[in-house]
């Protein structure tokens, strides 16, 4: 299997809001990259990341992340942003 490996180390911002914003920007970049099919060398991406996010309420954070990924995947499939 061929894949594009993305290694991301987000900075530990001054607030959770900053870290979340940086994480969302990473997700947006991944989707834009996937949409640029003419520039995609491999159709599969693996993200290895140290996100420096606080998961005090891990179940809430996880569901938020899954919701965002589903939204981005849906947008990718329909060609919307």
Protein backbone atom coordinates (compact mmCIF):
# COMPACT_ATOMS: atom_id res chain seq x y z
CA UNK A 1 0.00 0.00 0.00
CA UNK A 2 1.31 3.42 -0.94
CA UNK A 3 0.44 6.43 1.17
CA UNK A 4 1.34 10.00 1.92
CA UNK A 5 2.68 10.33 5.46
CA UNK A 6 2.01 13.64 7.20
CA UNK A 7 3.96 14.38 10.36
CA UNK A 8 2.46 17.27 12.30
CA UNK A 9 3.53 18.78 15.59
CA UNK A 10 1.21 21.61 16.52
CA UNK A 11 2.41 24.25 18.90
CA UNK A 12 1.07 24.38 22.41
CA UNK A 13 -0.82 27.66 22.12
CA UNK A 14 -1.74 29.96 24.94
CA UNK A 15 -5.30 28.64 25.01
CA UNK A 16 -7.34 25.62 24.05
CA UNK A 17 -9.05 27.78 21.42
CA UNK A 18 -5.71 28.43 19.69
CA UNK A 19 -4.82 24.73 19.68
CA UNK A 20 -8.25 23.78 18.35
CA UNK A 21 -7.97 26.40 15.61
CA UNK A 22 -4.57 25.01 14.61
CA UNK A 23 -5.95 21.44 14.56
CA UNK A 24 -8.87 22.53 12.36
CA UNK A 25 -6.45 24.28 10.01
CA UNK A 26 -4.52 21.01 9.69
CA UNK A 27 -7.74 19.16 8.83
CA UNK A 28 -8.67 21.82 6.28
CA UNK A 29 -5.23 21.52 4.67
CA UNK A 30 -5.58 17.74 4.44
CA UNK A 31 -8.96 18.07 2.72
CA UNK A 32 -7.69 20.70 0.28
CA UNK A 33 -4.74 18.46 -0.49
CA UNK A 34 -7.04 15.50 -1.11
CA UNK A 35 -9.25 17.62 -3.39
CA UNK A 36 -6.25 18.53 -5.55
CA UNK A 37 -6.30 15.08 -7.11
CA UNK A 38 -3.92 16.13 -9.87
CA UNK A 39 -1.33 16.84 -7.16
CA UNK A 40 -1.99 13.73 -5.06
CA UNK A 41 0.76 11.17 -5.48
CA UNK A 42 -1.03 8.63 -3.29
CA UNK A 43 -4.73 8.35 -2.53
CA UNK A 44 -4.17 7.32 1.09
CA UNK A 45 -2.94 9.66 3.83
CA UNK A 46 -1.71 8.77 7.28
CA UNK A 47 -1.39 11.58 9.81
CA UNK A 48 1.05 11.14 12.68
CA UNK A 49 0.67 14.02 15.05
CA UNK A 50 1.42 15.48 18.41
CA UNK A 51 -1.53 17.84 18.62
CA UNK A 52 -0.81 19.22 22.10
CA UNK A 53 -4.51 19.27 22.85
CA UNK A 54 -6.02 18.85 26.27
CA UNK A 55 -8.30 15.86 26.51
CA UNK A 56 -9.66 16.38 30.01
CA UNK A 57 -13.07 15.50 28.61
CA UNK A 58 -11.79 12.99 26.08
CA UNK A 59 -15.19 11.61 25.07
CA UNK A 60 -16.44 15.09 24.17
CA UNK A 61 -13.26 15.94 22.25
CA UNK A 62 -13.34 12.64 20.37
CA UNK A 63 -16.94 13.10 19.26
CA UNK A 64 -16.16 16.67 18.13
CA UNK A 65 -13.19 15.44 16.08
CA UNK A 66 -15.19 12.60 14.52
CA UNK A 67 -18.01 15.02 13.66
CA UNK A 68 -15.52 17.38 11.98
CA UNK A 69 -13.90 14.55 10.01
CA UNK A 70 -17.28 13.32 8.78
CA UNK A 71 -18.18 16.85 7.70
CA UNK A 72 -14.88 17.24 5.86
CA UNK A 73 -15.22 13.84 4.18
CA UNK A 74 -18.74 14.70 3.06
CA UNK A 75 -17.51 18.01 1.64
CA UNK A 76 -14.68 16.23 -0.15
CA UNK A 77 -17.05 13.73 -1.74
CA UNK A 78 -19.52 16.41 -2.85
CA UNK A 79 -16.83 18.87 -3.98
CA UNK A 80 -17.94 21.61 -1.55
CA UNK A 81 -15.74 23.42 0.97
